[in-house]
């Protein structure tokens, strides 16, 4: 009986020791901090960029193409060049999507900057921003916006100018009556000619087109 009692006591002490050891390890694992692990921070949200009569951010009219930065944080991360017969085109990309385009007409300078994405806005101090793809009626909400007839190669179209920016409607959203008025030099279309489903198709600074 003494031998069995001694064995039982030893087993009990061993179980207790293992239990305490396990609890201690668990406690240490809970509070341990690995200095080699970098905490995951939330990704920074890309905010709206603004186009003005001078340009978009550091991309300005009449600056040299060679002085363009290859990337600007939260504005563009890549520039894709497309050569042409009379001009070069530069697509400014962000996360694989075109955000705006620069046109160079054999001068080595930025001649036109046009908007490709609705995240590039025209700030309207008297109302909501104007974006590509939104109702063209917002253009008429810009205080002082004026129609201007622009002709090229014996053809012409009405465009709208505001503080050095040019606006045109999306051609795919025009009805037949508005198409006739848009290409008629005699009288420019008015705000009443534009139904809500006519969208902004072109926003740019520099040359009208």
Protein backbone atom coordinates (compact mmCIF):
# COMPACT_ATOMS: atom_id res chain seq x y z
CA UNK A 1 0.00 0.00 0.00
CA UNK A 2 2.84 2.37 0.75
CA UNK A 3 4.37 1.64 -2.67
CA UNK A 4 1.10 2.25 -4.47
CA UNK A 5 0.54 5.43 -2.48
CA UNK A 6 3.98 6.66 -3.38
CA UNK A 7 3.38 5.97 -7.13
CA UNK A 8 -0.04 7.69 -7.03
CA UNK A 9 1.44 10.73 -5.36
CA UNK A 10 4.23 10.92 -7.97
CA UNK A 11 1.73 10.68 -10.84
CA UNK A 12 -0.43 13.41 -9.29
CA UNK A 13 2.58 15.70 -8.91
CA UNK A 14 3.59 15.04 -12.55
CA UNK A 15 0.11 15.89 -13.87
CA UNK A 16 0.05 19.08 -11.78
CA UNK A 17 3.51 20.09 -13.08
CA UNK A 18 2.50 19.51 -16.71
CA UNK A 19 -0.70 21.50 -16.18
CA UNK A 20 1.17 24.43 -14.70
CA UNK A 21 3.73 24.29 -17.48
CA UNK A 22 0.99 24.35 -20.10
CA UNK A 23 -0.76 27.32 -18.52
CA UNK A 24 2.47 29.27 -18.30
CA UNK A 25 3.24 28.67 -22.00
CA UNK A 26 -0.26 29.76 -23.02
CA UNK A 27 0.06 32.94 -20.97
CA UNK A 28 3.41 33.79 -22.51
CA UNK A 29 2.06 33.20 -26.05
CA UNK A 30 -0.81 35.62 -25.39
CA UNK A 31 1.32 38.59 -24.40
CA UNK A 32 4.36 37.98 -26.59
CA UNK A 33 4.98 40.63 -29.33
CA UNK A 34 7.01 39.70 -32.40
CA UNK A 35 9.15 42.70 -33.30
CA UNK A 36 9.72 41.32 -36.82
CA UNK A 37 6.03 41.59 -37.80
CA UNK A 38 5.00 44.88 -39.44
CA UNK A 39 1.47 45.91 -38.43
CA UNK A 40 -1.02 46.04 -41.31
CA UNK A 41 -2.23 49.60 -41.80
CA UNK A 42 -5.31 50.48 -43.87
CA UNK A 43 -4.58 51.49 -47.46
CA UNK A 44 -4.67 55.22 -48.14
CA UNK A 45 -7.73 56.27 -50.10
CA UNK A 46 -7.09 57.97 -53.44
CA UNK A 47 -8.87 61.30 -53.31
CA UNK A 48 -10.35 63.28 -56.18
CA UNK A 49 -7.88 65.23 -58.27
CA UNK A 50 -8.87 68.63 -59.65
CA UNK A 51 -8.39 69.99 -63.16
CA UNK A 52 -8.11 73.76 -63.62
CA UNK A 53 -7.21 76.01 -66.52
CA UNK A 54 -3.56 75.43 -65.64
CA UNK A 55 -3.57 71.66 -65.40
CA UNK A 56 -3.86 68.78 -62.94
CA UNK A 57 -1.58 68.87 -59.92
CA UNK A 58 2.04 69.26 -61.05
CA UNK A 59 1.13 68.45 -64.69
CA UNK A 60 0.73 71.90 -66.23
CA UNK A 61 0.13 73.34 -69.69
CA UNK A 62 3.25 74.33 -71.64
CA UNK A 63 5.65 72.46 -69.39
CA UNK A 64 8.15 70.30 -71.27
CA UNK A 65 7.32 66.64 -71.73
CA UNK A 66 10.80 65.70 -70.53
CA UNK A 67 10.18 67.44 -67.20
CA UNK A 68 7.14 65.27 -66.35
CA UNK A 69 7.65 63.14 -63.26
CA UNK A 70 7.27 59.39 -63.96
CA UNK A 71 4.81 59.15 -61.04
CA UNK A 72 3.05 61.33 -58.49
CA UNK A 73 1.63 59.75 -55.33
CA UNK A 74 -2.16 59.31 -55.45
CA UNK A 75 -2.32 61.00 -58.88
CA UNK A 76 -0.65 58.58 -61.31
CA UNK A 77 1.83 55.73 -61.05
CA UNK A 78 2.71 55.21 -64.71
CA UNK A 79 2.77 57.09 -68.04
CA UNK A 80 2.09 55.20 -71.27
CA UNK A 81 3.22 56.92 -74.47
CA UNK A 82 1.36 56.49 -77.74
CA UNK A 83 3.04 57.93 -80.82
CA UNK A 84 1.09 59.41 -83.72
CA UNK A 85 1.60 61.07 -87.10
CA UNK A 86 1.06 64.64 -85.94
CA UNK A 87 1.17 64.27 -82.16
CA UNK A 88 2.20 62.16 -79.21
CA UNK A 89 -0.27 61.02 -76.59
CA UNK A 90 0.61 60.28 -72.97
CA UNK A 91 -1.83 58.27 -70.84
CA UNK A 92 -1.45 58.90 -67.12
CA UNK A 93 -2.42 55.70 -65.31
CA UNK A 94 -3.30 54.84 -61.72
CA UNK A 95 -3.65 51.20 -60.67
CA UNK A 96 -3.83 50.16 -64.33
CA UNK A 97 -6.62 52.59 -65.26
CA UNK A 98 -6.29 55.79 -67.35
CA UNK A 99 -6.94 58.91 -65.28
CA UNK A 100 -6.06 61.70 -67.70
CA UNK A 101 -4.28 62.23 -71.02
CA UNK A 102 -1.70 64.72 -72.27
CA UNK A 103 -1.36 65.62 -75.95
CA UNK A 104 1.84 66.98 -77.46
CA UNK A 105 1.76 68.46 -80.97
CA UNK A 106 5.36 68.31 -82.25
CA UNK A 107 6.48 70.93 -79.77
CA UNK A 108 7.83 68.97 -76.87
CA UNK A 109 5.29 70.75 -74.66
CA UNK A 110 2.06 69.83 -72.92
CA UNK A 111 -0.60 71.26 -75.27
CA UNK A 112 -3.80 69.59 -73.99
CA UNK A 113 -4.73 67.84 -70.76
CA UNK A 114 -8.01 65.91 -70.95
CA UNK A 115 -9.88 63.96 -68.28
CA UNK A 116 -10.50 60.21 -68.59
CA UNK A 117 -11.95 59.29 -65.21
CA UNK A 118 -14.66 60.65 -62.93
CA UNK A 119 -12.17 60.89 -60.05
CA UNK A 120 -10.72 63.99 -61.75
CA UNK A 121 -13.17 66.80 -61.07
CA UNK A 122 -13.93 70.41 -61.93
CA UNK A 123 -14.55 72.21 -58.67
CA UNK A 124 -17.68 74.34 -58.80
CA UNK A 125 -17.58 76.95 -56.00
CA UNK A 126 -21.33 77.49 -56.40
CA UNK A 127 -22.45 73.87 -56.50
CA UNK A 128 -21.48 70.25 -56.96
CA UNK A 129 -18.29 69.27 -58.82
CA UNK A 130 -18.54 68.46 -62.53
CA UNK A 131 -17.34 65.01 -63.60
CA UNK A 132 -17.04 62.94 -66.76
CA UNK A 133 -20.15 60.79 -67.23
CA UNK A 134 -22.48 63.00 -65.21
CA UNK A 135 -25.37 65.07 -66.57
CA UNK A 136 -24.21 67.87 -68.87
CA UNK A 137 -26.67 70.17 -67.11
CA UNK A 138 -24.02 70.55 -64.39
CA UNK A 139 -21.85 72.44 -66.88
CA UNK A 140 -24.51 75.13 -67.13
CA UNK A 141 -24.31 75.47 -63.35
CA UNK A 142 -20.77 76.87 -63.65
CA UNK A 143 -21.08 80.63 -63.19
CA UNK A 144 -19.87 82.39 -66.34
CA UNK A 145 -19.66 79.33 -68.64
CA UNK A 146 -19.94 80.39 -72.29
CA UNK A 147 -20.54 78.57 -75.58
CA UNK A 148 -17.89 78.94 -78.29
CA UNK A 149 -17.96 77.80 -81.89
CA UNK A 150 -14.86 75.82 -82.84
CA UNK A 151 -14.20 74.96 -86.46
CA UNK A 152 -11.60 72.68 -88.02
CA UNK A 153 -11.33 71.30 -91.57
CA UNK A 154 -14.53 73.06 -92.70
CA UNK A 155 -16.49 71.50 -89.86
CA UNK A 156 -17.38 72.85 -86.47
CA UNK A 157 -19.09 72.18 -83.16
CA UNK A 158 -20.26 74.17 -80.17
CA UNK A 159 -18.14 73.71 -77.05
CA UNK A 160 -18.37 75.40 -73.67
CA UNK A 161 -15.59 77.28 -71.91
CA UNK A 162 -15.22 78.11 -68.23
CA UNK A 163 -12.06 79.55 -66.70
CA UNK A 164 -9.83 77.94 -69.32
CA UNK A 165 -11.62 74.57 -69.29
CA UNK A 166 -13.44 73.06 -72.27
CA UNK A 167 -16.58 70.92 -72.11
CA UNK A 168 -18.35 68.80 -74.71
CA UNK A 169 -21.28 66.39 -74.33
CA UNK A 170 -20.92 62.66 -74.84
CA UNK A 171 -21.85 62.14 -78.50
CA UNK A 172 -23.45 58.77 -77.77
CA UNK A 173 -26.07 60.39 -75.51
CA UNK A 174 -27.33 63.02 -77.98
CA UNK A 175 -30.72 62.96 -79.67
CA UNK A 176 -31.16 63.97 -83.30
CA UNK A 177 -32.45 67.48 -82.52
CA UNK A 178 -29.52 68.27 -80.23
CA UNK A 179 -27.03 66.91 -82.78
CA UNK A 180 -28.41 69.35 -85.36
CA UNK A 181 -28.13 72.28 -82.96
CA UNK A 182 -24.65 71.29 -81.79
CA UNK A 183 -23.29 71.40 -85.34
CA UNK A 184 -25.23 74.49 -86.45
CA UNK A 185 -23.09 77.62 -86.27
CA UNK A 186 -26.02 80.04 -86.23
CA UNK A 187 -27.20 79.58 -82.63
CA UNK A 188 -25.65 77.60 -79.75
CA UNK A 189 -27.79 75.09 -77.87
CA UNK A 190 -29.14 76.29 -74.54
CA UNK A 191 -29.47 74.51 -71.22
CA UNK A 192 -33.10 73.73 -72.08
CA UNK A 193 -31.92 71.66 -75.09
CA UNK A 194 -30.08 69.21 -72.83
CA UNK A 195 -32.12 66.48 -71.19
CA UNK A 196 -30.76 64.95 -67.95
CA UNK A 197 -29.55 61.85 -69.79
CA UNK A 198 -27.05 63.84 -71.93
CA UNK A 199 -23.71 63.24 -70.24
CA UNK A 200 -20.41 65.11 -70.00
CA UNK A 201 -18.09 63.42 -72.48
CA UNK A 202 -15.09 65.73 -72.58
CA UNK A 203 -13.32 67.95 -70.06
CA UNK A 204 -9.94 69.44 -70.95
CA UNK A 205 -7.67 72.43 -70.70
CA UNK A 206 -5.41 73.84 -73.40
CA UNK A 207 -6.70 73.74 -76.96
CA UNK A 208 -10.47 73.18 -77.39
CA UNK A 209 -9.79 69.72 -78.89
